[in-house]
Every structure is written in structure tokens, then in C-alpha cells.
Amino acid sequence: MEKILRLVYGYLTVLISGEQIERFLNLCKSRGISLEKIRYLQERQIMAQMSATDFFQLRTVRNKTGVHIQIKRKRGLPFFFFRNKKRKAFFAGILLGSVLLLGLTGRIWNIHIEGNVRNSTAEILEFLEKQGVTHAMPKRKVNCSEIAAAVRREFPETTWVSARVEGTRLILEIKEGIPESKEADTQEKTCSLAAEKEGVITRMIVRSGIPLKKTGDTCKAGEILVSGEIPVRNDSQEVVRYEYVHADADIFISRSVSYYQEIPLEYEIQEVTGKKKQRFFIRAGSWYLGLYEKEDADWRIFSEEIPLCLTENFRLPVSLGKVCLTEYHSAKGKYTEEKARKKAAVLFWQYEKRLLKQGISIAENHVSTVMNGTSCICKGTLKIIEKTGKETETERKSMENTEKNPEN
């Protein structure tokens, strides 16, 4: 801190010589003039540092002792400004920079969000922007309690939000969970399970509800398979009321699907010549500057664009990009019968893989591959087994309707 103050107020390195050096030092001490880093150079000569304000008090001491004082070095802001007093643009730049710095420190330049999992940072930032909370907004307009309350209202999964301002950063800490109201809605929800597609039921495991179909039965699309309506009967087997539950079951049906894939024997390939180019471009809003000329059609163009970010979530409307160009030429090729059949098998394997990802298994395969001279055709039918059971709302019955239409 002392060094900083010394630079602010300015200090001098002086060379003092004369017959009465000791008297000079004693008078300086008695008058409160501070000398630092005193070094004896010769018998009647010393070097010392002192502040600029103390230097102007040395006249009477110097006259009494007859010493000679020579300034060797000047340091500090007062001397710096004095040396550069004719550089008006320099001082104008310092003033402008100071004003700009004060203006920038009074705004929010980084909105940091942490703890969010279910709701992405982009969604939360978009919501905050609608609420008027954006990058570069004045800090005096930031109301942390209102921001936290608005986020909790907009995102029900959020159970706790803390908003605070640190420097030029707005930090939102979020904790997520399942609100109690949603848990209650899930528990109270009643429904039945209906078939999504037509097929034959191969397996049914019912955990909740009453099954209306059994294994081996045929079902149509939209037909109720497990009812969430449970009749409660008395000793005479008369329905006295209905209980409604959330139907839960694992139901699997088998059905037939068609498969068709045609592979032309002649195909077009693109061979790379090995010639490559690399170019760069700059994009600022709708303005675009490409540092390369458009090439012919026989070039593959791969571009990569990187937006410039002032902070982690504050993107500037400026981006830098790189373009990689690879030359190729088109040529025609032809599959042999063996390669065509292998390609058809690979495509069918990929189709099976997609079905397995959807939880569908193949029970029977009636697909064959034929060649007709110009193409390889793979076609047939598959018997698949898939899970079904779409939740549908259960219509609640009143006891008046039950009495009018009693069950037999």
C-alpha cells in the first residue's frame, strides 16, 4: 500500500553533497521531512528517496547547511502527467476508458445458472429474457427476489431458487424435484389400457385393473384390454359401487408387417482426388465476409462456425468460421450378385436393429431376396411381437346409472 501511495503522490531520488551532511539529516528529522533508503556514496555524499511534497520544504534546510541537492530520478503520477501534458489524445483516452470502465461495471455481463437438469440453460435464459433480465442490463434494475420467484412459478420442477449478484455476474442456483401437487395428481389419476394396434395377445401380466382380454385373443386398435374400473359387489353379487384405479399391465401382441427394400445394381460413387483447400470467413449479424471464392460443383464443402462469447452465456453477434474443401469426381459402379445380397442383408440387419431399439422382437421371418437383372429386391413379411397398452381415461359411472342398468 505504501508503494502504491508513493507512486500516486510521486517521489524523488536525490543526491545530497556538502560539508554538513549530518546537520542536514538532523534538521530534516526535526522538521518532519522523511528521507528513505539513505546510502552513503562517499565521505560527504549521500543518496536518498523522498516524497515530492517534502522536497519543497528543503529550501531553508539547504540554506542553513549549505549542501548541494541534485535530483537524479522522478517517479509517480504527477511527474508522468507533467511529462505528457501535451498529449491531449492520451489523457482523453484515459478519461474515456475510466468512464467506460465505470459504465461496464454497473451492468450484468454474465448470467450463470447451475443446478438445473430437467430444464436446460437455454430455456431458462429465454424465459429470463422475456422477463427483461438480459445481458448488459443495469445492476440497479436487478431484483433477485422477483427473479427467483418468477423462475419457481415458470418451472414447477424447481423447488428452490437463489439469485444473487456478484460483481458483474448474476448467479442463479437451482434445485429441482417433483412437486407434491404433481405426485398427488399421479397417484389420483385413473385410467384404462387400450390396444394401440390390431394383433393377437401373446402375453399379459396385469398388476392393477381388471383384464378384459386373455392370452390368445385378438384385439383391435382402440379396444380396452385392461379396465381401470373395478365393480364392488355385495353378498348377492350385486354391484353396489365402482372403484377406479390406475390400470397397470405389461401386454404384448403379435402382428404381421411387410418389408420391402430394392437395391439398384448400378450406383454412383464419389472418389476423392486428394486435393484439399482451407479457407476462413467472418460473420457479424447478417454481414458475411468470406475469404474464399466459390468453387466448382465437384468440391465437398465442410464448414465450422464458432460464435464469439464475452462470457459463458453471453454470445456476441460475431462468429469466426473455417471452410474445408475436398475435391472429388463422380464415377459409376456396379454391384455383383454376391455384394448386392450382402448389402441387402446389411440393410435388413439395420432394420432389425431399429426394431429392437423400439422394444420390438421378430418371432417369424418370411423375407426372401431375388435378383431381376437390374436390382436386388428383398421383400416379405415379418411376424413381430411388441408391447402395447395406451392409457385412456376411464369414464366414471354414477350409482344411479348402475341401478337403472344393473349387471347380470
Protein backbone atom coordinates (compact mmCIF):
# COMPACT_ATOMS: atom_id res chain seq x y z
CA MET A 1 0.00 0.00 0.00
CA GLU A 2 2.88 2.35 0.80
CA LYS A 3 4.39 1.73 -2.63
CA ILE A 4 1.06 2.49 -4.31
CA LEU A 5 0.66 5.76 -2.36
CA ARG A 6 4.24 6.69 -3.19
CA LEU A 7 3.50 6.29 -6.90
CA VAL A 8 0.26 8.25 -6.61
CA TYR A 9 1.83 11.26 -4.84
CA GLY A 10 5.21 10.99 -6.58
CA TYR A 11 8.72 10.58 -5.16
CA LEU A 12 12.27 11.71 -5.99
CA THR A 13 15.71 10.15 -5.79
CA VAL A 14 18.16 12.93 -4.79
CA LEU A 15 21.94 13.20 -4.46
CA ILE A 16 22.99 15.33 -1.45
CA SER A 17 26.61 16.51 -1.08
CA GLY A 18 28.32 19.04 1.23
CA GLU A 19 30.28 19.56 4.43
CA GLN A 20 27.32 19.42 6.84
CA ILE A 21 25.58 16.21 5.84
CA GLU A 22 24.92 15.11 9.46
CA ARG A 23 23.42 18.50 10.38
CA PHE A 24 21.26 18.34 7.26
CA LEU A 25 19.85 14.96 8.32
CA ASN A 26 19.18 16.17 11.88
CA LEU A 27 17.33 19.27 10.65
CA CYS A 28 15.23 17.14 8.28
CA LYS A 29 14.26 14.88 11.18
CA SER A 30 13.34 17.77 13.43
CA ARG A 31 11.18 19.37 10.72
CA GLY A 32 9.38 16.09 9.89
CA ILE A 33 10.95 15.70 6.44
CA SER A 34 11.17 11.98 5.66
CA LEU A 35 14.21 10.53 3.86
CA GLU A 36 14.22 6.86 2.84
CA LYS A 37 16.79 4.42 1.53
CA ILE A 38 19.73 6.59 2.56
CA ARG A 39 23.04 5.39 1.12
CA TYR A 40 26.49 6.87 1.70
CA LEU A 41 28.33 7.06 -1.60
CA GLN A 42 31.44 8.94 -0.49
CA GLU A 43 32.62 10.71 2.65
CA ARG A 44 30.48 13.81 2.02
CA GLN A 45 27.82 12.47 -0.34
CA ILE A 46 24.60 10.50 0.17
CA MET A 47 21.73 9.23 -1.99
CA ALA A 48 18.14 9.13 -0.65
CA GLN A 49 14.48 8.95 -1.68
CA MET A 50 11.82 11.44 -0.57
CA SER A 51 8.29 12.47 -1.48
CA ALA A 52 7.63 15.36 -3.83
CA THR A 53 5.85 17.36 -1.10
CA ASP A 54 8.83 17.04 1.30
CA PHE A 55 11.23 18.18 -1.40
CA PHE A 56 9.69 21.65 -1.48
CA GLN A 57 10.41 22.04 2.29
CA LEU A 58 14.17 21.60 1.85
CA ARG A 59 14.98 25.20 0.89
CA THR A 60 15.51 26.52 4.44
CA VAL A 61 17.40 23.40 5.49
CA ARG A 62 19.62 23.63 2.45
CA ASN A 63 20.35 27.35 3.07
CA LYS A 64 21.34 26.65 6.68
CA THR A 65 23.64 23.72 5.90
CA GLY A 66 24.97 24.82 2.52
CA VAL A 67 24.53 21.34 0.98
CA HIS A 68 24.00 20.80 -2.73
CA ILE A 69 20.88 18.83 -3.75
CA GLN A 70 20.65 17.22 -7.19
CA ILE A 71 17.57 15.39 -8.49
CA LYS A 72 18.56 12.07 -10.06
CA ARG A 73 15.20 10.46 -10.72
CA LYS A 74 11.48 11.36 -10.72
CA ARG A 75 8.77 8.73 -10.31
CA GLY A 76 4.99 8.79 -9.86
CA LEU A 77 1.79 10.02 -11.45
CA PRO A 78 2.39 13.81 -11.01
CA PHE A 79 5.63 13.65 -12.98
CA PHE A 80 4.13 11.28 -15.55
CA PHE A 81 1.24 13.67 -16.22
CA PHE A 82 3.61 16.63 -16.34
CA ARG A 83 5.84 14.96 -18.94
CA ASN A 84 2.83 14.07 -21.09
CA LYS A 85 0.78 17.23 -20.61
CA LYS A 86 0.88 18.00 -24.34
CA ARG A 87 -0.58 14.63 -25.30
CA LYS A 88 -4.25 15.55 -25.18
CA ALA A 89 -5.42 12.44 -27.00
CA PHE A 90 -3.68 10.28 -24.41
CA PHE A 91 -5.48 11.92 -21.49
CA ALA A 92 -8.76 11.88 -23.41
CA GLY A 93 -8.29 8.12 -23.86
CA ILE A 94 -7.65 7.66 -20.13
CA LEU A 95 -10.77 9.66 -19.30
CA LEU A 96 -12.86 7.78 -21.85
CA GLY A 97 -11.52 4.43 -20.60
CA SER A 98 -12.33 5.34 -17.00
CA VAL A 99 -15.88 6.36 -17.91
CA LEU A 100 -16.29 3.17 -19.98
CA LEU A 101 -14.98 1.05 -17.13
CA LEU A 102 -17.39 2.65 -14.66
CA GLY A 103 -20.24 2.12 -17.10
CA LEU A 104 -19.38 -1.53 -17.72
CA THR A 105 -19.02 -2.39 -14.04
CA GLY A 106 -22.56 -1.13 -13.46
CA ARG A 107 -24.12 -3.79 -15.72
CA ILE A 108 -24.67 -7.56 -15.75
CA TRP A 109 -22.38 -9.26 -18.27
CA ASN A 110 -22.68 -12.89 -17.22
CA ILE A 111 -25.80 -14.86 -16.23
CA HIS A 112 -24.59 -18.08 -14.64
CA ILE A 113 -27.10 -20.90 -13.97
CA GLU A 114 -26.18 -24.00 -12.01
CA GLY A 115 -28.05 -26.98 -10.58
CA ASN A 116 -30.55 -27.27 -13.46
CA VAL A 117 -31.03 -30.73 -15.03
CA ARG A 118 -34.61 -31.04 -16.28
CA ASN A 119 -34.76 -27.51 -17.67
CA SER A 120 -31.90 -26.53 -19.97
CA THR A 121 -29.89 -23.35 -19.53
CA ALA A 122 -31.14 -22.09 -22.90
CA GLU A 123 -34.79 -22.44 -21.78
CA ILE A 124 -34.16 -20.57 -18.55
CA LEU A 125 -32.23 -17.80 -20.35
CA GLU A 126 -35.07 -17.46 -22.87
CA PHE A 127 -37.59 -17.11 -20.03
CA LEU A 128 -35.41 -14.54 -18.24
CA GLU A 129 -35.14 -12.55 -21.46
CA LYS A 130 -38.95 -12.39 -21.65
CA GLN A 131 -38.91 -11.08 -18.08
CA GLY A 132 -36.47 -8.33 -19.09
CA VAL A 133 -33.43 -9.95 -17.45
CA THR A 134 -30.75 -9.91 -20.16
CA HIS A 135 -27.05 -9.45 -20.55
CA ALA A 136 -25.84 -5.84 -20.33
CA MET A 137 -28.81 -4.77 -18.21
CA PRO A 138 -28.10 -2.26 -15.37
CA LYS A 139 -27.45 -3.86 -12.00
CA ARG A 140 -29.78 -1.38 -10.30
CA LYS A 141 -32.73 -2.93 -12.20
CA VAL A 142 -31.97 -6.47 -11.00
CA ASN A 143 -34.42 -7.64 -8.34
CA CYS A 144 -33.09 -11.00 -7.15
CA SER A 145 -36.19 -11.98 -5.14
CA GLU A 146 -38.53 -11.32 -8.08
CA ILE A 147 -36.27 -13.28 -10.46
CA ALA A 148 -36.19 -16.29 -8.10
CA ALA A 149 -39.98 -16.21 -7.64
CA ALA A 150 -40.59 -15.96 -11.41
CA VAL A 151 -38.34 -18.95 -12.12
CA ARG A 152 -40.15 -21.05 -9.50
CA ARG A 153 -43.53 -20.15 -10.99
CA GLU A 154 -42.50 -20.88 -14.59
CA PHE A 155 -40.72 -24.18 -13.90
CA PRO A 156 -42.77 -26.34 -11.47
CA GLU A 157 -39.95 -28.90 -11.18
CA THR A 158 -37.88 -26.22 -9.44
CA THR A 159 -38.20 -26.48 -5.68
CA TRP A 160 -35.63 -23.86 -4.64
CA VAL A 161 -34.01 -20.90 -6.42
CA SER A 162 -31.38 -18.48 -5.16
CA ALA A 163 -30.44 -15.37 -7.17
CA ARG A 164 -27.58 -13.06 -6.27
CA VAL A 165 -25.31 -10.50 -7.94
CA GLU A 166 -21.53 -10.82 -7.61
CA GLY A 167 -19.61 -8.12 -9.43
CA THR A 168 -20.96 -8.14 -12.96
CA ARG A 169 -22.40 -11.68 -12.65
CA LEU A 170 -25.98 -12.74 -11.94
CA ILE A 171 -25.82 -16.22 -10.38
CA LEU A 172 -28.88 -18.47 -10.19
CA GLU A 173 -28.61 -21.60 -8.06
CA ILE A 174 -31.44 -24.05 -8.74
CA LYS A 175 -32.59 -27.24 -7.04
CA GLU A 176 -35.08 -29.44 -8.84
CA GLY A 177 -37.50 -32.10 -7.66
CA ILE A 178 -41.04 -33.40 -8.18
CA PRO A 179 -43.62 -31.01 -6.70
CA GLU A 180 -46.05 -32.53 -4.22
CA SER A 181 -49.03 -31.49 -6.32
CA LYS A 182 -47.77 -33.49 -9.29
CA GLU A 183 -47.15 -36.55 -7.12
CA ALA A 184 -50.73 -36.35 -5.84
CA ASP A 185 -52.08 -35.97 -9.39
CA THR A 186 -50.15 -39.07 -10.46
CA GLN A 187 -51.49 -41.10 -7.57
CA GLU A 188 -55.10 -39.97 -8.08
CA LYS A 189 -55.09 -40.44 -11.85
CA THR A 190 -57.31 -43.31 -13.03
CA CYS A 191 -57.17 -44.84 -16.48
CA SER A 192 -57.60 -47.99 -18.56
CA LEU A 193 -55.24 -49.58 -21.07
CA ALA A 194 -56.25 -49.83 -24.73
CA ALA A 195 -54.65 -51.57 -27.70
CA GLU A 196 -52.70 -49.27 -30.00
CA LYS A 197 -52.71 -51.66 -32.98
CA GLU A 198 -54.53 -54.76 -34.11
CA GLY A 199 -52.95 -58.10 -33.22
CA VAL A 200 -53.04 -61.29 -31.16
CA ILE A 201 -52.21 -61.11 -27.44
CA THR A 202 -49.21 -63.33 -26.70
CA ARG A 203 -48.54 -62.40 -23.07
CA MET A 204 -50.31 -60.32 -20.42
CA ILE A 205 -49.14 -59.51 -16.88
CA VAL A 206 -51.70 -57.40 -15.01
CA ARG A 207 -50.62 -55.58 -11.86
CA SER A 208 -53.60 -53.27 -11.43
CA GLY A 209 -57.05 -53.28 -13.01
CA ILE A 210 -59.33 -55.95 -14.49
CA PRO A 211 -58.23 -57.73 -17.71
CA LEU A 212 -60.93 -57.80 -20.40
CA LYS A 213 -58.85 -59.97 -22.76
CA LYS A 214 -56.71 -63.05 -22.26
CA THR A 215 -53.70 -64.58 -23.97
CA GLY A 216 -54.57 -65.79 -27.47
CA ASP A 217 -57.41 -63.29 -28.00
CA THR A 218 -57.43 -60.93 -30.95
CA CYS A 219 -57.62 -57.22 -30.22
CA LYS A 220 -58.39 -54.25 -32.43
CA ALA A 221 -56.87 -50.79 -32.30
CA GLY A 222 -58.53 -48.73 -29.54
CA GLU A 223 -60.10 -51.74 -27.80
CA ILE A 224 -59.86 -51.73 -23.97
CA LEU A 225 -57.59 -54.53 -22.74
CA VAL A 226 -57.34 -53.75 -19.01
CA SER A 227 -60.08 -51.72 -17.33
CA GLY A 228 -59.39 -49.30 -14.51
CA GLU A 229 -63.00 -49.68 -13.34
CA ILE A 230 -63.45 -52.31 -10.60
CA PRO A 231 -67.03 -53.21 -9.56
CA VAL A 232 -67.62 -53.83 -5.86
CA ARG A 233 -70.36 -56.43 -5.21
CA ASN A 234 -72.33 -57.38 -2.14
CA ASP A 235 -73.15 -60.89 -0.91
CA SER A 236 -75.88 -61.17 -3.56
CA GLN A 237 -73.32 -60.41 -6.27
CA GLU A 238 -74.98 -57.08 -6.99
CA VAL A 239 -72.82 -54.11 -7.91
CA VAL A 240 -73.04 -51.55 -5.14
CA ARG A 241 -70.33 -49.20 -6.31
CA TYR A 242 -67.26 -48.87 -8.53
CA GLU A 243 -63.64 -48.35 -7.54
CA TYR A 244 -61.35 -46.65 -10.03
CA VAL A 245 -57.63 -47.37 -10.24
CA HIS A 246 -54.70 -46.59 -12.47
CA ALA A 247 -54.52 -49.68 -14.72
CA ASP A 248 -51.01 -51.12 -14.94
CA ALA A 249 -50.00 -54.12 -17.05
CA ASP A 250 -47.41 -55.49 -19.48
CA ILE A 251 -49.26 -56.55 -22.64
CA PHE A 252 -47.55 -57.99 -25.72
CA ILE A 253 -49.21 -58.61 -29.07
CA SER A 254 -48.03 -60.26 -32.28
CA ARG A 255 -48.84 -58.89 -35.71
CA SER A 256 -47.55 -59.08 -39.29
CA VAL A 257 -45.69 -56.27 -41.06
CA SER A 258 -44.44 -56.02 -44.63
CA TYR A 259 -40.82 -55.44 -45.58
CA TYR A 260 -39.57 -54.20 -48.95
CA GLN A 261 -36.12 -52.99 -49.97
CA GLU A 262 -34.85 -52.54 -53.55
CA ILE A 263 -31.15 -52.03 -54.29
CA PRO A 264 -30.20 -50.94 -57.85
CA LEU A 265 -27.15 -52.82 -59.15
CA GLU A 266 -25.75 -49.69 -60.79
CA TYR A 267 -24.80 -46.87 -58.46
CA GLU A 268 -22.83 -43.64 -58.46
CA ILE A 269 -19.74 -43.20 -56.33
CA GLN A 270 -17.73 -40.11 -55.47
CA GLU A 271 -13.98 -40.62 -55.47
CA VAL A 272 -11.77 -38.16 -53.62
CA THR A 273 -8.83 -36.85 -55.67
CA GLY A 274 -6.82 -35.85 -52.60
CA LYS A 275 -6.80 -32.13 -53.37
CA LYS A 276 -7.86 -30.06 -50.36
CA LYS A 277 -8.25 -26.38 -49.53
CA GLN A 278 -8.86 -24.48 -46.32
CA ARG A 279 -10.45 -21.03 -46.11
CA PHE A 280 -11.82 -18.76 -43.37
CA PHE A 281 -14.76 -16.38 -43.03
CA ILE A 282 -16.23 -13.84 -40.60
CA ARG A 283 -19.92 -13.36 -39.86
CA ALA A 284 -21.33 -10.36 -38.00
CA GLY A 285 -25.12 -10.45 -37.86
CA SER A 286 -26.35 -10.57 -41.44
CA TRP A 287 -23.00 -9.29 -42.75
CA TYR A 288 -20.72 -12.00 -44.13
CA LEU A 289 -17.12 -11.82 -45.30
CA GLY A 290 -15.82 -14.97 -46.97
CA LEU A 291 -12.11 -15.18 -47.60
CA TYR A 292 -12.50 -17.66 -50.45
CA GLU A 293 -14.09 -17.84 -53.87
CA LYS A 294 -16.86 -20.26 -54.80
CA GLU A 295 -15.51 -23.43 -56.34
CA ASP A 296 -16.99 -25.74 -58.97
CA ALA A 297 -19.64 -28.33 -58.14
CA ASP A 298 -17.06 -31.13 -57.79
CA TRP A 299 -15.97 -29.94 -54.37
CA ARG A 300 -17.24 -31.05 -50.99
CA ILE A 301 -17.56 -28.15 -48.59
CA PHE A 302 -17.46 -28.65 -44.82
CA SER A 303 -17.84 -25.54 -42.69
CA GLU A 304 -17.37 -24.95 -38.97
CA GLU A 305 -18.57 -21.78 -37.27
CA ILE A 306 -17.56 -20.68 -33.77
CA PRO A 307 -19.50 -17.81 -32.15
CA LEU A 308 -17.53 -15.37 -30.03
CA CYS A 309 -18.65 -15.27 -26.40
CA LEU A 310 -18.00 -12.44 -23.98
CA THR A 311 -18.95 -14.73 -21.08
CA GLU A 312 -20.17 -18.34 -20.82
CA ASN A 313 -23.77 -17.45 -21.79
CA PHE A 314 -23.33 -14.06 -23.49
CA ARG A 315 -22.75 -14.62 -27.17
CA LEU A 316 -21.72 -11.74 -29.38
CA PRO A 317 -23.32 -11.39 -32.85
CA VAL A 318 -19.90 -12.14 -34.36
CA SER A 319 -18.54 -15.55 -35.30
CA LEU A 320 -15.45 -16.95 -36.97
CA GLY A 321 -15.63 -19.85 -39.36
CA LYS A 322 -13.44 -22.31 -41.20
CA VAL A 323 -14.28 -23.96 -44.51
CA CYS A 324 -12.62 -27.18 -45.65
CA LEU A 325 -12.93 -28.04 -49.36
CA THR A 326 -12.18 -31.50 -50.75
CA GLU A 327 -12.17 -32.21 -54.48
CA TYR A 328 -13.90 -35.33 -55.83
CA HIS A 329 -15.16 -36.70 -59.11
CA SER A 330 -18.19 -38.86 -59.85
CA ALA A 331 -17.90 -42.38 -61.23
CA LYS A 332 -20.31 -45.28 -61.84
CA GLY A 333 -20.03 -48.67 -60.22
CA LYS A 334 -21.96 -51.95 -60.33
CA TYR A 335 -22.70 -54.47 -57.60
CA THR A 336 -22.05 -58.14 -58.23
CA GLU A 337 -24.84 -60.51 -57.19
CA GLU A 338 -22.91 -61.52 -54.09
CA LYS A 339 -22.26 -57.92 -52.99
CA ALA A 340 -25.87 -56.93 -53.67
CA ARG A 341 -27.12 -59.77 -51.47
CA LYS A 342 -24.66 -58.78 -48.73
CA LYS A 343 -25.84 -55.17 -48.89
CA ALA A 344 -29.47 -56.31 -48.69
CA ALA A 345 -28.58 -58.42 -45.64
CA VAL A 346 -26.87 -55.42 -44.00
CA LEU A 347 -29.91 -53.20 -44.62
CA PHE A 348 -32.21 -55.87 -43.18
CA TRP A 349 -29.93 -56.21 -40.13
CA GLN A 350 -30.10 -52.44 -39.63
CA TYR A 351 -33.90 -52.64 -39.85
CA GLU A 352 -33.93 -55.37 -37.20
CA LYS A 353 -31.66 -53.27 -35.00
CA ARG A 354 -34.07 -50.33 -35.21
CA LEU A 355 -36.95 -52.61 -34.20
CA LEU A 356 -35.01 -53.94 -31.22
CA LYS A 357 -34.30 -50.38 -30.06
CA GLN A 358 -38.06 -49.81 -30.06
CA GLY A 359 -38.58 -52.93 -27.92
CA ILE A 360 -39.92 -54.99 -30.83
CA SER A 361 -38.74 -58.56 -31.40
CA ILE A 362 -39.13 -60.70 -34.55
CA ALA A 363 -40.92 -64.01 -34.00
CA GLU A 364 -41.05 -65.22 -37.63
CA ASN A 365 -39.15 -64.16 -40.72
CA HIS A 366 -40.65 -64.70 -44.19
CA VAL A 367 -38.37 -62.36 -46.16
CA SER A 368 -36.59 -63.52 -49.32
CA THR A 369 -34.10 -61.92 -51.71
CA VAL A 370 -34.45 -62.10 -55.53
CA MET A 371 -32.43 -60.67 -58.44
CA ASN A 372 -34.14 -59.30 -61.56
CA GLY A 373 -31.10 -58.23 -63.60
CA THR A 374 -31.20 -54.52 -62.74
CA SER A 375 -31.75 -54.61 -58.99
CA CYS A 376 -31.74 -56.77 -55.89
CA ILE A 377 -35.14 -56.93 -54.21
CA CYS A 378 -35.59 -58.00 -50.60
CA LYS A 379 -39.27 -58.42 -49.65
CA GLY A 380 -41.63 -60.44 -47.48
CA THR A 381 -43.46 -60.34 -44.17
CA LEU A 382 -42.34 -60.41 -40.58
CA LYS A 383 -44.25 -61.54 -37.53
CA ILE A 384 -43.27 -59.19 -34.72
CA ILE A 385 -44.04 -59.04 -31.02
CA GLU A 386 -44.37 -55.60 -29.47
CA LYS A 387 -45.62 -54.06 -26.26
CA THR A 388 -48.97 -52.26 -26.30
CA GLY A 389 -51.29 -50.59 -23.83
CA LYS A 390 -52.15 -46.94 -24.26
CA GLU A 391 -53.55 -45.12 -21.24
CA THR A 392 -57.12 -43.89 -21.83
CA GLU A 393 -59.38 -42.01 -19.48
CA THR A 394 -61.89 -44.15 -17.60
CA GLU A 395 -65.42 -42.80 -17.64
CA ARG A 396 -66.77 -42.78 -14.10
CA LYS A 397 -70.24 -44.24 -13.60
CA SER A 398 -72.75 -42.93 -11.08
CA MET A 399 -74.75 -45.27 -8.88
CA GLU A 400 -77.98 -44.00 -10.48
CA ASN A 401 -76.86 -45.44 -13.82
CA THR A 402 -75.88 -48.66 -12.06
CA GLU A 403 -79.32 -49.08 -10.53
CA LYS A 404 -81.05 -48.47 -13.87
CA ASN A 405 -78.72 -50.86 -15.69
CA PRO A 406 -77.65 -53.49 -13.12
CA GLU A 407 -75.16 -56.13 -14.20
CA ASN A 408 -76.39 -59.64 -14.60
